[in-house]
Amino acid sequence: MTITPDTKDWTWVLEKACPECGFDTALVPADRVAELTRASITRWQEVLRRPDASIRTEPDRWSALEYGCHVRDVFRIFDGRLHRMLSEDDPLFENWDQDVTAIEDRYAEQDPSQVAGALSANGAALAGRFDAVASDDLARPGRRSDGARFTVESFARYFIHDPIHHLYDVGAPLGAGRG
């Protein structure tokens, strides 16, 4: 069965706790995002070592491996976007269709150990970039192609929901940011 594309605008997580995973971005200051990113990397390493990581528990839901591929790519894409927010004036980000990427990059066929390595490297790079954000830079803006506007501060909180939410999706919740 094909996965139904996710068409939600997840920016609402900046305004209220996620009813699915319970994560509340309002409880997470931007200066904790690097720490939470590193904690999520550790948990993702455990998830991707599972012997059943590549098996879909439900036909219409990604496997842990596919979610791991997605998070690996989220780390990479958000690192590039954060870099642009810190070095350009109000950059406009290209649309990224995660569902098309999953199909084109054959997430379900990738090697879990290679995904774990790349996820770790991408996450560490992003965490390092978040560590280097000066308080004076938290208000720097950036825009998504659909018109969503962020500051570095809101971008950080929006971002961290993703890897933590997907840990919940694969049954390995991190527990941070719960109200």
N, C-alpha and C. Protein backbone atom coordinates (compact mmCIF):
# COMPACT_ATOMS: atom_id res chain seq x y z
N MET A 1 0.84 -1.18 0.00
CA MET A 1 0.00 0.00 0.00
C MET A 1 0.89 1.25 0.00
N THR A 2 0.46 2.25 -0.70
CA THR A 2 1.19 3.51 -0.78
C THR A 2 0.89 4.37 0.44
N ILE A 3 1.90 5.09 0.88
CA ILE A 3 1.72 6.03 1.99
C ILE A 3 0.95 7.25 1.47
N THR A 4 -0.05 7.67 2.23
CA THR A 4 -0.78 8.88 1.88
C THR A 4 0.10 10.08 2.19
N PRO A 5 0.33 10.95 1.22
CA PRO A 5 1.19 12.11 1.47
C PRO A 5 0.68 12.97 2.62
N ASP A 6 1.62 13.50 3.40
CA ASP A 6 1.29 14.38 4.52
C ASP A 6 1.17 15.80 3.99
N THR A 7 -0.03 16.33 4.03
CA THR A 7 -0.25 17.67 3.50
C THR A 7 -0.52 18.69 4.60
N LYS A 8 -0.33 18.31 5.86
CA LYS A 8 -0.55 19.23 6.97
C LYS A 8 0.49 20.34 6.97
N ASP A 9 0.07 21.51 7.40
CA ASP A 9 1.00 22.61 7.66
C ASP A 9 1.33 22.52 9.15
N TRP A 10 2.47 21.95 9.45
CA TRP A 10 2.86 21.66 10.83
C TRP A 10 3.30 22.88 11.62
N THR A 11 3.23 24.08 11.04
CA THR A 11 3.66 25.27 11.79
C THR A 11 2.79 25.51 13.02
N TRP A 12 1.63 24.91 13.09
CA TRP A 12 0.78 25.06 14.28
C TRP A 12 1.46 24.54 15.54
N VAL A 13 2.51 23.73 15.41
CA VAL A 13 3.19 23.23 16.60
C VAL A 13 3.88 24.36 17.36
N LEU A 14 4.02 25.52 16.73
CA LEU A 14 4.59 26.67 17.42
C LEU A 14 3.58 27.32 18.37
N GLU A 15 2.30 26.97 18.22
CA GLU A 15 1.24 27.61 19.00
C GLU A 15 0.63 26.71 20.07
N LYS A 16 0.75 25.40 19.91
CA LYS A 16 0.15 24.49 20.89
C LYS A 16 0.88 23.16 20.86
N ALA A 17 0.70 22.40 21.92
CA ALA A 17 1.32 21.08 22.02
C ALA A 17 0.75 20.15 20.96
N CYS A 18 1.58 19.26 20.46
CA CYS A 18 1.14 18.28 19.47
C CYS A 18 0.22 17.26 20.14
N PRO A 19 -1.00 17.10 19.66
CA PRO A 19 -1.92 16.14 20.28
C PRO A 19 -1.50 14.67 20.08
N GLU A 20 -0.66 14.42 19.09
CA GLU A 20 -0.21 13.04 18.84
C GLU A 20 0.92 12.65 19.77
N CYS A 21 2.02 13.41 19.73
CA CYS A 21 3.22 13.02 20.49
C CYS A 21 3.32 13.72 21.84
N GLY A 22 2.54 14.78 22.06
CA GLY A 22 2.56 15.51 23.32
C GLY A 22 3.65 16.56 23.43
N PHE A 23 4.50 16.69 22.41
CA PHE A 23 5.61 17.64 22.47
C PHE A 23 5.07 19.06 22.37
N ASP A 24 5.56 19.93 23.26
CA ASP A 24 5.13 21.33 23.29
C ASP A 24 6.35 22.20 23.03
N THR A 25 6.43 22.75 21.82
CA THR A 25 7.59 23.56 21.45
C THR A 25 7.70 24.82 22.29
N ALA A 26 6.59 25.29 22.87
CA ALA A 26 6.63 26.50 23.70
C ALA A 26 7.46 26.28 24.96
N LEU A 27 7.64 25.03 25.36
CA LEU A 27 8.42 24.71 26.56
C LEU A 27 9.91 24.60 26.28
N VAL A 28 10.30 24.75 25.01
CA VAL A 28 11.70 24.53 24.62
C VAL A 28 12.33 25.84 24.17
N PRO A 29 13.23 26.38 24.98
CA PRO A 29 13.95 27.57 24.51
C PRO A 29 14.91 27.19 23.38
N ALA A 30 15.16 28.13 22.50
CA ALA A 30 16.02 27.86 21.34
C ALA A 30 17.39 27.35 21.74
N ASP A 31 17.90 27.78 22.90
CA ASP A 31 19.24 27.34 23.29
C ASP A 31 19.29 25.89 23.77
N ARG A 32 18.15 25.20 23.82
CA ARG A 32 18.14 23.77 24.16
C ARG A 32 18.01 22.88 22.93
N VAL A 33 17.80 23.47 21.77
CA VAL A 33 17.54 22.68 20.56
C VAL A 33 18.75 21.81 20.19
N ALA A 34 19.96 22.33 20.33
CA ALA A 34 21.15 21.52 20.01
C ALA A 34 21.22 20.30 20.92
N GLU A 35 20.97 20.50 22.20
CA GLU A 35 20.99 19.39 23.17
C GLU A 35 19.93 18.34 22.82
N LEU A 36 18.73 18.79 22.50
CA LEU A 36 17.65 17.87 22.14
C LEU A 36 17.94 17.16 20.82
N THR A 37 18.58 17.86 19.90
CA THR A 37 18.97 17.23 18.64
C THR A 37 19.92 16.08 18.92
N ARG A 38 20.92 16.32 19.75
CA ARG A 38 21.89 15.26 20.09
C ARG A 38 21.21 14.09 20.81
N ALA A 39 20.28 14.39 21.70
CA ALA A 39 19.56 13.32 22.39
C ALA A 39 18.74 12.50 21.40
N SER A 40 18.15 13.17 20.42
CA SER A 40 17.36 12.44 19.42
C SER A 40 18.27 11.57 18.55
N ILE A 41 19.47 12.05 18.25
CA ILE A 41 20.42 11.25 17.46
C ILE A 41 20.71 9.94 18.16
N THR A 42 20.96 10.01 19.45
CA THR A 42 21.25 8.80 20.23
C THR A 42 20.08 7.83 20.15
N ARG A 43 18.88 8.34 20.31
CA ARG A 43 17.70 7.47 20.27
C ARG A 43 17.50 6.91 18.86
N TRP A 44 17.75 7.72 17.82
CA TRP A 44 17.60 7.22 16.45
C TRP A 44 18.61 6.12 16.15
N GLN A 45 19.80 6.19 16.74
CA GLN A 45 20.79 5.13 16.54
C GLN A 45 20.25 3.80 17.07
N GLU A 46 19.61 3.85 18.22
CA GLU A 46 18.99 2.65 18.81
C GLU A 46 17.89 2.11 17.91
N VAL A 47 17.05 3.00 17.42
CA VAL A 47 15.92 2.61 16.57
C VAL A 47 16.43 1.93 15.29
N LEU A 48 17.46 2.50 14.68
CA LEU A 48 17.94 1.96 13.41
C LEU A 48 18.73 0.66 13.57
N ARG A 49 19.07 0.29 14.80
CA ARG A 49 19.71 -1.01 15.06
C ARG A 49 18.70 -2.13 15.27
N ARG A 50 17.44 -1.79 15.36
CA ARG A 50 16.42 -2.82 15.56
C ARG A 50 16.44 -3.79 14.38
N PRO A 51 16.30 -5.07 14.65
CA PRO A 51 16.29 -6.04 13.54
C PRO A 51 15.10 -5.86 12.59
N ASP A 52 14.04 -5.26 13.08
CA ASP A 52 12.84 -5.06 12.26
C ASP A 52 12.71 -3.62 11.75
N ALA A 53 13.80 -2.86 11.74
CA ALA A 53 13.75 -1.45 11.37
C ALA A 53 13.18 -1.21 9.98
N SER A 54 13.38 -2.13 9.07
CA SER A 54 12.92 -1.91 7.69
C SER A 54 11.51 -2.45 7.43
N ILE A 55 10.87 -2.96 8.44
CA ILE A 55 9.53 -3.55 8.27
C ILE A 55 8.45 -2.53 8.65
N ARG A 56 7.50 -2.36 7.77
CA ARG A 56 6.36 -1.50 8.06
C ARG A 56 5.41 -2.27 8.97
N THR A 57 5.12 -1.69 10.14
CA THR A 57 4.19 -2.35 11.05
C THR A 57 2.75 -2.22 10.56
N GLU A 58 2.51 -1.21 9.74
CA GLU A 58 1.22 -1.04 9.08
C GLU A 58 1.53 -0.67 7.63
N PRO A 59 0.79 -1.21 6.67
CA PRO A 59 1.13 -0.98 5.26
C PRO A 59 1.08 0.48 4.83
N ASP A 60 0.29 1.31 5.52
CA ASP A 60 0.15 2.71 5.12
C ASP A 60 0.98 3.65 6.01
N ARG A 61 1.99 3.08 6.70
CA ARG A 61 2.82 3.86 7.61
C ARG A 61 4.28 3.52 7.36
N TRP A 62 5.15 4.53 7.36
CA TRP A 62 6.57 4.29 7.15
C TRP A 62 7.15 3.36 8.20
N SER A 63 8.17 2.64 7.80
CA SER A 63 8.94 1.82 8.74
C SER A 63 9.88 2.75 9.52
N ALA A 64 10.49 2.21 10.57
CA ALA A 64 11.47 2.99 11.34
C ALA A 64 12.62 3.43 10.44
N LEU A 65 13.02 2.58 9.51
CA LEU A 65 14.08 2.94 8.56
C LEU A 65 13.66 4.14 7.71
N GLU A 66 12.45 4.11 7.18
CA GLU A 66 11.98 5.21 6.35
C GLU A 66 11.89 6.52 7.15
N TYR A 67 11.40 6.42 8.39
CA TYR A 67 11.39 7.61 9.25
C TYR A 67 12.82 8.08 9.52
N GLY A 68 13.74 7.14 9.73
CA GLY A 68 15.14 7.51 9.95
C GLY A 68 15.74 8.23 8.75
N CYS A 69 15.41 7.75 7.55
CA CYS A 69 15.87 8.44 6.33
C CYS A 69 15.32 9.86 6.28
N HIS A 70 14.04 9.99 6.62
CA HIS A 70 13.41 11.31 6.62
C HIS A 70 14.11 12.24 7.62
N VAL A 71 14.36 11.76 8.82
CA VAL A 71 15.01 12.59 9.84
C VAL A 71 16.43 12.94 9.42
N ARG A 72 17.14 12.00 8.83
CA ARG A 72 18.48 12.29 8.30
C ARG A 72 18.43 13.46 7.33
N ASP A 73 17.42 13.44 6.44
CA ASP A 73 17.28 14.50 5.44
C ASP A 73 16.78 15.80 6.06
N VAL A 74 15.92 15.70 7.06
CA VAL A 74 15.48 16.90 7.79
C VAL A 74 16.69 17.60 8.40
N PHE A 75 17.57 16.83 9.04
CA PHE A 75 18.77 17.42 9.64
C PHE A 75 19.58 18.17 8.58
N ARG A 76 19.77 17.56 7.43
CA ARG A 76 20.57 18.17 6.36
C ARG A 76 19.90 19.43 5.82
N ILE A 77 18.61 19.34 5.54
CA ILE A 77 17.90 20.47 4.95
C ILE A 77 17.79 21.63 5.94
N PHE A 78 17.49 21.33 7.19
CA PHE A 78 17.38 22.40 8.18
C PHE A 78 18.73 23.02 8.49
N ASP A 79 19.80 22.25 8.40
CA ASP A 79 21.13 22.83 8.57
C ASP A 79 21.39 23.85 7.47
N GLY A 80 21.07 23.52 6.24
CA GLY A 80 21.24 24.45 5.13
C GLY A 80 20.37 25.68 5.29
N ARG A 81 19.14 25.49 5.73
CA ARG A 81 18.24 26.62 5.92
C ARG A 81 18.71 27.52 7.06
N LEU A 82 19.16 26.92 8.15
CA LEU A 82 19.65 27.71 9.26
C LEU A 82 20.88 28.51 8.83
N HIS A 83 21.77 27.87 8.09
CA HIS A 83 22.95 28.58 7.57
C HIS A 83 22.52 29.80 6.75
N ARG A 84 21.52 29.62 5.91
CA ARG A 84 21.05 30.74 5.09
C ARG A 84 20.43 31.83 5.95
N MET A 85 19.67 31.46 6.97
CA MET A 85 19.06 32.46 7.85
C MET A 85 20.13 33.29 8.56
N LEU A 86 21.24 32.66 8.87
CA LEU A 86 22.31 33.35 9.59
C LEU A 86 23.23 34.15 8.67
N SER A 87 23.22 33.84 7.39
CA SER A 87 24.16 34.50 6.48
C SER A 87 23.49 35.35 5.39
N GLU A 88 22.19 35.24 5.21
CA GLU A 88 21.47 36.01 4.21
C GLU A 88 20.36 36.82 4.88
N ASP A 89 19.89 37.81 4.19
CA ASP A 89 18.77 38.60 4.69
C ASP A 89 17.45 38.00 4.20
N ASP A 90 16.67 37.46 5.14
CA ASP A 90 15.34 36.94 4.87
C ASP A 90 15.28 35.98 3.67
N PRO A 91 16.04 34.87 3.72
CA PRO A 91 16.04 33.95 2.58
C PRO A 91 14.68 33.28 2.37
N LEU A 92 14.42 32.92 1.13
CA LEU A 92 13.22 32.18 0.74
C LEU A 92 13.65 30.75 0.45
N PHE A 93 13.08 29.79 1.16
CA PHE A 93 13.45 28.38 1.01
C PHE A 93 12.62 27.71 -0.07
N GLU A 94 13.28 26.91 -0.88
CA GLU A 94 12.58 26.11 -1.88
C GLU A 94 11.67 25.11 -1.17
N ASN A 95 10.61 24.72 -1.85
CA ASN A 95 9.74 23.68 -1.33
C ASN A 95 10.50 22.36 -1.28
N TRP A 96 10.28 21.59 -0.23
CA TRP A 96 10.84 20.25 -0.14
C TRP A 96 9.66 19.29 0.05
N ASP A 97 9.45 18.43 -0.91
CA ASP A 97 8.37 17.45 -0.83
C ASP A 97 8.95 16.15 -0.26
N GLN A 98 8.70 15.95 1.01
CA GLN A 98 9.27 14.79 1.71
C GLN A 98 8.75 13.47 1.15
N ASP A 99 7.54 13.46 0.66
CA ASP A 99 6.97 12.22 0.14
C ASP A 99 7.60 11.84 -1.20
N VAL A 100 7.84 12.82 -2.05
CA VAL A 100 8.52 12.57 -3.32
C VAL A 100 9.95 12.10 -3.05
N THR A 101 10.61 12.75 -2.09
CA THR A 101 11.98 12.35 -1.74
C THR A 101 12.03 10.90 -1.27
N ALA A 102 11.07 10.51 -0.44
CA ALA A 102 11.03 9.14 0.07
C ALA A 102 10.94 8.12 -1.06
N ILE A 103 10.17 8.43 -2.08
CA ILE A 103 10.01 7.52 -3.22
C ILE A 103 11.25 7.55 -4.10
N GLU A 104 11.67 8.76 -4.48
CA GLU A 104 12.81 8.88 -5.40
C GLU A 104 14.11 8.34 -4.80
N ASP A 105 14.31 8.54 -3.51
CA ASP A 105 15.53 8.07 -2.85
C ASP A 105 15.39 6.66 -2.29
N ARG A 106 14.26 6.04 -2.52
CA ARG A 106 14.01 4.66 -2.10
C ARG A 106 14.35 4.42 -0.63
N TYR A 107 13.73 5.21 0.20
CA TYR A 107 13.96 5.11 1.63
C TYR A 107 13.85 3.67 2.14
N ALA A 108 12.84 2.96 1.68
CA ALA A 108 12.59 1.60 2.18
C ALA A 108 13.69 0.61 1.84
N GLU A 109 14.54 0.95 0.87
CA GLU A 109 15.59 0.03 0.42
C GLU A 109 16.98 0.38 0.95
N GLN A 110 17.07 1.42 1.76
CA GLN A 110 18.38 1.85 2.22
C GLN A 110 18.89 0.97 3.37
N ASP A 111 20.19 1.01 3.59
CA ASP A 111 20.84 0.22 4.63
C ASP A 111 20.73 0.97 5.97
N PRO A 112 20.10 0.36 6.98
CA PRO A 112 19.91 1.05 8.25
C PRO A 112 21.21 1.55 8.89
N SER A 113 22.30 0.81 8.77
CA SER A 113 23.55 1.26 9.39
C SER A 113 24.11 2.47 8.66
N GLN A 114 23.96 2.53 7.35
CA GLN A 114 24.42 3.70 6.61
C GLN A 114 23.54 4.92 6.91
N VAL A 115 22.25 4.68 7.04
CA VAL A 115 21.33 5.76 7.40
C VAL A 115 21.68 6.28 8.79
N ALA A 116 21.97 5.37 9.72
CA ALA A 116 22.34 5.78 11.08
C ALA A 116 23.58 6.66 11.08
N GLY A 117 24.57 6.29 10.28
CA GLY A 117 25.79 7.08 10.21
C GLY A 117 25.55 8.47 9.64
N ALA A 118 24.79 8.54 8.55
CA ALA A 118 24.51 9.84 7.93
C ALA A 118 23.60 10.68 8.82
N LEU A 119 22.62 10.05 9.46
CA LEU A 119 21.74 10.77 10.39
C LEU A 119 22.58 11.39 11.51
N SER A 120 23.49 10.62 12.05
CA SER A 120 24.36 11.11 13.12
C SER A 120 25.21 12.29 12.66
N ALA A 121 25.82 12.16 11.49
CA ALA A 121 26.68 13.23 10.97
C ALA A 121 25.86 14.49 10.68
N ASN A 122 24.72 14.33 10.03
CA ASN A 122 23.87 15.48 9.69
C ASN A 122 23.33 16.15 10.96
N GLY A 123 22.91 15.32 11.91
CA GLY A 123 22.38 15.87 13.16
C GLY A 123 23.45 16.59 13.97
N ALA A 124 24.65 16.02 14.00
CA ALA A 124 25.75 16.68 14.73
C ALA A 124 26.10 18.02 14.09
N ALA A 125 26.10 18.08 12.77
CA ALA A 125 26.39 19.34 12.08
C ALA A 125 25.33 20.38 12.42
N LEU A 126 24.07 19.99 12.39
CA LEU A 126 22.99 20.92 12.70
C LEU A 126 23.05 21.35 14.17
N ALA A 127 23.29 20.41 15.07
CA ALA A 127 23.40 20.76 16.49
C ALA A 127 24.53 21.75 16.71
N GLY A 128 25.66 21.54 16.03
CA GLY A 128 26.77 22.47 16.13
C GLY A 128 26.40 23.85 15.63
N ARG A 129 25.64 23.91 14.55
CA ARG A 129 25.22 25.21 14.02
C ARG A 129 24.27 25.89 15.00
N PHE A 130 23.35 25.12 15.62
CA PHE A 130 22.47 25.71 16.63
C PHE A 130 23.28 26.19 17.83
N ASP A 131 24.30 25.44 18.24
CA ASP A 131 25.15 25.86 19.35
C ASP A 131 25.80 27.22 19.08
N ALA A 132 26.11 27.49 17.83
CA ALA A 132 26.84 28.70 17.45
C ALA A 132 25.94 29.92 17.25
N VAL A 133 24.63 29.74 17.34
CA VAL A 133 23.72 30.87 17.14
C VAL A 133 23.86 31.86 18.31
N ALA A 134 24.17 33.09 17.99
CA ALA A 134 24.27 34.15 19.00
C ALA A 134 22.87 34.64 19.34
N SER A 135 22.68 35.09 20.57
CA SER A 135 21.35 35.58 20.97
C SER A 135 20.89 36.73 20.08
N ASP A 136 21.82 37.50 19.57
CA ASP A 136 21.47 38.61 18.66
C ASP A 136 20.90 38.11 17.33
N ASP A 137 21.13 36.85 17.00
CA ASP A 137 20.68 36.30 15.72
C ASP A 137 19.33 35.59 15.81
N LEU A 138 18.76 35.46 17.00
CA LEU A 138 17.51 34.70 17.16
C LEU A 138 16.33 35.33 16.42
N ALA A 139 16.39 36.61 16.15
CA ALA A 139 15.29 37.29 15.45
C ALA A 139 15.49 37.35 13.94
N ARG A 140 16.59 36.80 13.41
CA ARG A 140 16.82 36.84 11.96
C ARG A 140 15.71 36.05 11.26
N PRO A 141 15.17 36.56 10.15
CA PRO A 141 14.04 35.92 9.48
C PRO A 141 14.42 34.99 8.33
N GLY A 142 13.47 34.14 7.99
CA GLY A 142 13.53 33.29 6.81
C GLY A 142 12.10 32.90 6.46
N ARG A 143 11.89 32.56 5.17
CA ARG A 143 10.54 32.24 4.70
C ARG A 143 10.53 30.93 3.94
N ARG A 144 9.46 30.20 4.11
CA ARG A 144 9.22 28.99 3.33
C ARG A 144 8.47 29.37 2.07
N SER A 145 8.57 28.57 1.03
CA SER A 145 7.93 28.90 -0.26
C SER A 145 6.41 28.98 -0.17
N ASP A 146 5.81 28.39 0.87
CA ASP A 146 4.36 28.48 1.03
C ASP A 146 3.92 29.72 1.79
N GLY A 147 4.88 30.59 2.13
CA GLY A 147 4.57 31.83 2.82
C GLY A 147 4.79 31.80 4.33
N ALA A 148 5.05 30.63 4.90
CA ALA A 148 5.31 30.56 6.34
C ALA A 148 6.58 31.35 6.65
N ARG A 149 6.50 32.17 7.71
CA ARG A 149 7.62 33.01 8.11
C ARG A 149 8.17 32.52 9.45
N PHE A 150 9.48 32.55 9.57
CA PHE A 150 10.14 32.11 10.78
C PHE A 150 11.18 33.13 11.20
N THR A 151 11.51 33.11 12.48
CA THR A 151 12.74 33.69 12.98
C THR A 151 13.64 32.51 13.30
N VAL A 152 14.90 32.73 13.55
CA VAL A 152 15.78 31.63 13.94
C VAL A 152 15.20 30.94 15.18
N GLU A 153 14.67 31.73 16.10
CA GLU A 153 14.10 31.17 17.33
C GLU A 153 12.90 30.26 17.03
N SER A 154 11.93 30.74 16.24
CA SER A 154 10.76 29.90 15.94
C SER A 154 11.13 28.74 15.02
N PHE A 155 12.09 28.96 14.14
CA PHE A 155 12.59 27.90 13.25
C PHE A 155 13.17 26.76 14.08
N ALA A 156 13.94 27.10 15.11
CA ALA A 156 14.55 26.09 15.98
C ALA A 156 13.47 25.25 16.67
N ARG A 157 12.46 25.92 17.22
CA ARG A 157 11.39 25.20 17.92
C ARG A 157 10.55 24.38 16.94
N TYR A 158 10.28 24.93 15.76
CA TYR A 158 9.54 24.20 14.73
C TYR A 158 10.31 22.94 14.32
N PHE A 159 11.60 23.11 14.07
CA PHE A 159 12.44 22.00 13.65
C PHE A 159 12.43 20.85 14.66
N ILE A 160 12.67 21.15 15.94
CA ILE A 160 12.93 20.08 16.91
C ILE A 160 11.72 19.18 17.11
N HIS A 161 10.54 19.68 16.80
CA HIS A 161 9.36 18.82 16.89
C HIS A 161 9.49 17.63 15.95
N ASP A 162 10.07 17.82 14.78
CA ASP A 162 10.10 16.77 13.75
C ASP A 162 10.82 15.49 14.21
N PRO A 163 12.12 15.55 14.59
CA PRO A 163 12.78 14.30 14.98
C PRO A 163 12.17 13.68 16.24
N ILE A 164 11.66 14.53 17.14
CA ILE A 164 11.06 14.00 18.36
C ILE A 164 9.71 13.37 18.06
N HIS A 165 8.92 14.01 17.21
CA HIS A 165 7.62 13.44 16.83
C HIS A 165 7.81 12.07 16.16
N HIS A 166 8.80 11.98 15.28
CA HIS A 166 8.99 10.71 14.58
C HIS A 166 9.55 9.62 15.48
N LEU A 167 10.25 9.99 16.55
CA LEU A 167 10.62 8.98 17.56
C LEU A 167 9.35 8.41 18.20
N TYR A 168 8.40 9.27 18.45
CA TYR A 168 7.10 8.82 18.95
C TYR A 168 6.45 7.87 17.93
N ASP A 169 6.52 8.24 16.64
CA ASP A 169 5.92 7.41 15.58
C ASP A 169 6.49 6.01 15.57
N VAL A 170 7.78 5.85 15.91
CA VAL A 170 8.41 4.53 15.87
C VAL A 170 8.48 3.86 17.24
N GLY A 171 7.76 4.41 18.21
CA GLY A 171 7.67 3.78 19.52
C GLY A 171 8.90 3.98 20.40
N ALA A 172 9.62 5.09 20.20
CA ALA A 172 10.82 5.36 21.01
C ALA A 172 10.81 6.82 21.48
N PRO A 173 9.74 7.23 22.16
CA PRO A 173 9.62 8.65 22.51
C PRO A 173 10.77 9.14 23.39
N LEU A 174 11.19 10.37 23.11
CA LEU A 174 12.28 10.98 23.86
C LEU A 174 11.78 11.54 25.19
N GLY A 175 10.56 12.05 25.21
CA GLY A 175 9.98 12.53 26.46
C GLY A 175 10.26 13.99 26.75
N ALA A 176 11.09 14.67 25.97
CA ALA A 176 11.38 16.08 26.23
C ALA A 176 10.26 16.96 25.72
N GLY A 177 10.03 18.10 26.38
CA GLY A 177 9.07 19.07 25.90
C GLY A 177 7.62 18.66 26.08
N ARG A 178 7.36 17.74 27.00
CA ARG A 178 5.99 17.32 27.23
C ARG A 178 5.41 18.19 28.34
N GLY A 179 4.19 18.64 28.09
CA GLY A 179 3.53 19.54 29.04
C GLY A 179 2.98 18.83 30.24
